[in-house]
């Protein structure tokens, strides 16, 4: 596919790819598109859906408290090793 970009946009792409040490402009553009798609997926909530999820999370914290991050990570690693994942 061929695309025509303004010199300013082309320079922005090339400079940004170099700044973040991408091996190629193709690699940079793929990462940019992936990032964009992930961001778009985050805003695909219906009206009130995100607030409902936040409310459920806050209620869970009130009822069950929070986990220590290091303990949770250690438990997760142990569980993965038990089923042979991550070896």
N, C-alpha and C. Protein backbone atom coordinates (compact mmCIF):
# COMPACT_ATOMS: atom_id res chain seq x y z
N UNK A 1 0.85 -1.17 0.00
CA UNK A 1 0.00 0.00 0.00
C UNK A 1 0.90 1.24 0.00
N UNK A 2 0.48 2.19 -0.75
CA UNK A 2 1.20 3.46 -0.77
C UNK A 2 0.34 4.52 -0.10
N UNK A 3 1.01 5.38 0.67
CA UNK A 3 0.31 6.47 1.34
C UNK A 3 1.11 7.74 1.11
N UNK A 4 0.41 8.84 1.02
CA UNK A 4 1.08 10.13 0.90
C UNK A 4 0.86 10.87 2.21
N UNK A 5 1.97 11.21 2.86
CA UNK A 5 1.92 11.94 4.12
C UNK A 5 2.55 13.30 3.92
N UNK A 6 2.08 14.24 4.71
CA UNK A 6 2.73 15.55 4.68
C UNK A 6 4.13 15.38 5.25
N UNK A 7 5.05 16.24 4.86
CA UNK A 7 6.40 16.16 5.41
C UNK A 7 6.42 16.23 6.94
N UNK A 8 5.50 17.02 7.52
CA UNK A 8 5.46 17.16 8.98
C UNK A 8 5.07 15.84 9.64
N UNK A 9 4.06 15.18 9.08
CA UNK A 9 3.61 13.91 9.66
C UNK A 9 4.69 12.84 9.47
N UNK A 10 5.29 12.80 8.30
CA UNK A 10 6.35 11.82 8.07
C UNK A 10 7.50 12.02 9.05
N UNK A 11 7.89 13.28 9.27
CA UNK A 11 8.97 13.57 10.23
C UNK A 11 8.56 13.16 11.64
N UNK A 12 7.32 13.42 12.02
CA UNK A 12 6.82 13.04 13.34
C UNK A 12 6.91 11.53 13.53
N UNK A 13 6.50 10.78 12.54
CA UNK A 13 6.54 9.32 12.63
C UNK A 13 7.97 8.82 12.74
N UNK A 14 8.83 9.28 11.87
CA UNK A 14 10.22 8.83 11.86
C UNK A 14 10.92 9.22 13.16
N UNK A 15 10.73 10.47 13.58
CA UNK A 15 11.38 10.93 14.82
C UNK A 15 10.88 10.17 16.04
N UNK A 16 9.58 9.91 16.11
CA UNK A 16 9.03 9.21 17.26
C UNK A 16 9.49 7.76 17.28
N UNK A 17 9.51 7.12 16.12
CA UNK A 17 10.00 5.73 16.05
C UNK A 17 11.44 5.65 16.52
N UNK A 18 12.26 6.61 16.13
CA UNK A 18 13.67 6.63 16.55
C UNK A 18 13.78 6.93 18.04
N UNK A 19 12.99 7.87 18.52
CA UNK A 19 13.05 8.27 19.93
C UNK A 19 12.79 7.08 20.85
N UNK A 20 11.86 6.21 20.45
CA UNK A 20 11.51 5.06 21.29
C UNK A 20 12.18 3.77 20.83
N UNK A 21 13.19 3.93 19.99
CA UNK A 21 14.09 2.83 19.59
C UNK A 21 13.39 1.68 18.87
N UNK A 22 12.40 2.00 18.05
CA UNK A 22 11.79 0.97 17.22
C UNK A 22 12.76 0.62 16.11
N UNK A 23 12.79 -0.65 15.72
CA UNK A 23 13.70 -1.09 14.67
C UNK A 23 13.30 -0.55 13.31
N UNK A 24 12.01 -0.30 13.13
CA UNK A 24 11.53 0.20 11.85
C UNK A 24 10.28 1.04 12.06
N UNK A 25 9.96 1.84 11.05
CA UNK A 25 8.72 2.60 11.09
C UNK A 25 7.53 1.65 11.09
N UNK A 26 7.64 0.53 10.35
CA UNK A 26 6.57 -0.48 10.37
C UNK A 26 6.29 -0.97 11.78
N UNK A 27 7.36 -1.28 12.53
CA UNK A 27 7.19 -1.75 13.90
C UNK A 27 6.52 -0.68 14.76
N UNK A 28 6.95 0.55 14.58
CA UNK A 28 6.36 1.65 15.34
C UNK A 28 4.88 1.82 15.01
N UNK A 29 4.54 1.80 13.73
CA UNK A 29 3.14 1.98 13.34
C UNK A 29 2.27 0.83 13.83
N UNK A 30 2.79 -0.39 13.79
CA UNK A 30 2.02 -1.53 14.32
C UNK A 30 1.76 -1.33 15.81
N UNK A 31 2.78 -0.92 16.56
CA UNK A 31 2.61 -0.69 17.99
C UNK A 31 1.63 0.45 18.24
N UNK A 32 1.70 1.50 17.42
CA UNK A 32 0.78 2.63 17.58
C UNK A 32 -0.65 2.20 17.31
N UNK A 33 -0.86 1.39 16.28
CA UNK A 33 -2.20 0.91 15.97
C UNK A 33 -2.71 -0.01 17.08
N UNK A 34 -1.85 -0.90 17.57
CA UNK A 34 -2.26 -1.79 18.67
C UNK A 34 -2.66 -0.98 19.90
N UNK A 35 -1.87 0.04 20.21
CA UNK A 35 -2.17 0.89 21.36
C UNK A 35 -3.50 1.62 21.16
N UNK A 36 -3.70 2.12 19.97
CA UNK A 36 -4.95 2.81 19.65
C UNK A 36 -6.14 1.87 19.82
N UNK A 37 -6.01 0.64 19.28
CA UNK A 37 -7.11 -0.32 19.38
C UNK A 37 -7.41 -0.69 20.83
N UNK A 38 -6.38 -0.81 21.65
CA UNK A 38 -6.59 -1.11 23.07
C UNK A 38 -7.34 0.04 23.74
N UNK A 39 -6.94 1.25 23.41
CA UNK A 39 -7.62 2.42 23.97
C UNK A 39 -9.08 2.49 23.53
N UNK A 40 -9.32 2.18 22.27
CA UNK A 40 -10.69 2.18 21.76
C UNK A 40 -11.52 1.11 22.47
N UNK A 41 -10.92 -0.05 22.73
CA UNK A 41 -11.65 -1.12 23.41
C UNK A 41 -12.06 -0.68 24.81
N UNK A 42 -11.26 0.16 25.42
CA UNK A 42 -11.57 0.63 26.78
C UNK A 42 -12.77 1.56 26.80
N UNK A 43 -13.09 2.18 25.68
CA UNK A 43 -14.21 3.12 25.68
C UNK A 43 -15.46 2.52 25.05
N UNK A 44 -15.50 1.21 24.94
CA UNK A 44 -16.65 0.55 24.33
C UNK A 44 -17.72 0.18 25.36
N UNK A 45 -17.73 0.87 26.48
CA UNK A 45 -18.73 0.61 27.50
C UNK A 45 -20.03 1.33 27.16
N UNK A 46 -21.13 0.69 27.49
CA UNK A 46 -22.42 1.33 27.31
C UNK A 46 -22.62 2.39 28.38
N UNK A 47 -23.68 3.18 28.25
CA UNK A 47 -23.94 4.22 29.24
C UNK A 47 -24.06 3.64 30.65
N UNK A 48 -23.26 4.14 31.55
CA UNK A 48 -23.30 3.72 32.95
C UNK A 48 -22.57 2.42 33.24
N UNK A 49 -22.12 1.70 32.20
CA UNK A 49 -21.48 0.40 32.42
C UNK A 49 -20.15 0.52 33.17
N UNK A 50 -19.33 1.48 32.77
CA UNK A 50 -18.04 1.65 33.45
C UNK A 50 -18.25 2.05 34.90
N UNK A 51 -19.18 2.96 35.16
CA UNK A 51 -19.45 3.38 36.54
C UNK A 51 -19.94 2.20 37.37
N UNK A 52 -20.77 1.33 36.77
CA UNK A 52 -21.27 0.15 37.47
C UNK A 52 -20.10 -0.76 37.86
N UNK A 53 -19.14 -0.96 36.94
CA UNK A 53 -17.98 -1.79 37.25
C UNK A 53 -17.12 -1.18 38.35
N UNK A 54 -16.95 0.14 38.31
CA UNK A 54 -16.18 0.82 39.36
C UNK A 54 -16.88 0.66 40.70
N UNK A 55 -18.19 0.85 40.70
CA UNK A 55 -18.96 0.70 41.94
C UNK A 55 -18.84 -0.71 42.51
N UNK A 56 -18.89 -1.72 41.62
CA UNK A 56 -18.75 -3.11 42.07
C UNK A 56 -17.37 -3.34 42.67
N UNK A 57 -16.35 -2.78 42.04
CA UNK A 57 -14.99 -2.92 42.57
C UNK A 57 -14.84 -2.27 43.92
N UNK A 58 -15.39 -1.08 44.07
CA UNK A 58 -15.30 -0.38 45.36
C UNK A 58 -16.07 -1.15 46.44
N UNK A 59 -17.21 -1.71 46.09
CA UNK A 59 -17.98 -2.50 47.05
C UNK A 59 -17.20 -3.73 47.47
N UNK A 60 -16.52 -4.36 46.52
CA UNK A 60 -15.71 -5.54 46.82
C UNK A 60 -14.58 -5.19 47.79
N UNK A 61 -13.98 -4.03 47.61
CA UNK A 61 -12.92 -3.59 48.52
C UNK A 61 -13.48 -3.38 49.92
N UNK A 62 -14.66 -2.76 49.99
CA UNK A 62 -15.27 -2.53 51.30
C UNK A 62 -15.60 -3.85 52.00
N UNK A 63 -16.07 -4.83 51.23
CA UNK A 63 -16.48 -6.11 51.81
C UNK A 63 -15.29 -7.03 52.10
N UNK A 64 -14.32 -7.04 51.21
CA UNK A 64 -13.24 -8.03 51.30
C UNK A 64 -11.85 -7.44 51.54
N UNK A 65 -11.73 -6.14 51.48
CA UNK A 65 -10.42 -5.51 51.64
C UNK A 65 -9.59 -5.65 50.37
N UNK A 66 -8.32 -5.33 50.50
CA UNK A 66 -7.41 -5.40 49.37
C UNK A 66 -6.34 -6.45 49.64
N UNK A 67 -5.58 -6.78 48.62
CA UNK A 67 -4.49 -7.74 48.74
C UNK A 67 -3.16 -7.01 48.72
N UNK A 68 -2.20 -7.55 49.44
CA UNK A 68 -0.84 -7.06 49.32
C UNK A 68 -0.34 -7.48 47.94
N UNK A 69 0.20 -6.56 47.17
CA UNK A 69 0.63 -6.85 45.82
C UNK A 69 1.67 -7.95 45.73
N UNK A 70 2.65 -7.94 46.62
CA UNK A 70 3.70 -8.97 46.59
C UNK A 70 3.12 -10.35 46.92
N UNK A 71 2.23 -10.40 47.89
CA UNK A 71 1.61 -11.67 48.24
C UNK A 71 0.74 -12.19 47.09
N UNK A 72 -0.01 -11.31 46.47
CA UNK A 72 -0.87 -11.72 45.36
C UNK A 72 -0.04 -12.23 44.19
N UNK A 73 1.06 -11.55 43.88
CA UNK A 73 1.92 -11.97 42.79
C UNK A 73 2.57 -13.31 43.09
N UNK A 74 3.03 -13.51 44.32
CA UNK A 74 3.64 -14.78 44.71
C UNK A 74 2.62 -15.91 44.60
N UNK A 75 1.40 -15.68 45.03
CA UNK A 75 0.35 -16.69 44.95
C UNK A 75 0.03 -17.00 43.49
N UNK A 76 -0.01 -15.98 42.66
CA UNK A 76 -0.28 -16.17 41.23
C UNK A 76 0.82 -17.00 40.58
N UNK A 77 2.07 -16.69 40.90
CA UNK A 77 3.19 -17.45 40.35
C UNK A 77 3.14 -18.91 40.80
N UNK A 78 2.84 -19.12 42.06
CA UNK A 78 2.76 -20.48 42.58
C UNK A 78 1.64 -21.26 41.88
N UNK A 79 0.51 -20.62 41.66
CA UNK A 79 -0.60 -21.28 40.99
C UNK A 79 -0.23 -21.62 39.55
N UNK A 80 0.47 -20.72 38.88
CA UNK A 80 0.88 -20.99 37.50
C UNK A 80 1.86 -22.15 37.44
N UNK A 81 2.77 -22.20 38.38
CA UNK A 81 3.75 -23.29 38.41
C UNK A 81 3.07 -24.63 38.68
N UNK A 82 2.02 -24.61 39.48
CA UNK A 82 1.29 -25.83 39.81
C UNK A 82 0.70 -26.47 38.55
N UNK A 83 0.23 -25.63 37.63
CA UNK A 83 -0.36 -26.16 36.40
C UNK A 83 0.63 -26.16 35.24
N UNK A 84 1.89 -25.83 35.52
CA UNK A 84 2.94 -25.91 34.51
C UNK A 84 3.00 -24.74 33.55
N UNK A 85 2.46 -23.60 33.92
CA UNK A 85 2.54 -22.41 33.08
C UNK A 85 3.72 -21.56 33.55
N UNK A 86 4.45 -21.02 32.60
CA UNK A 86 5.53 -20.10 32.94
C UNK A 86 6.85 -20.76 33.24
N UNK A 87 6.98 -22.04 32.90
CA UNK A 87 8.25 -22.73 33.14
C UNK A 87 9.13 -22.64 31.93
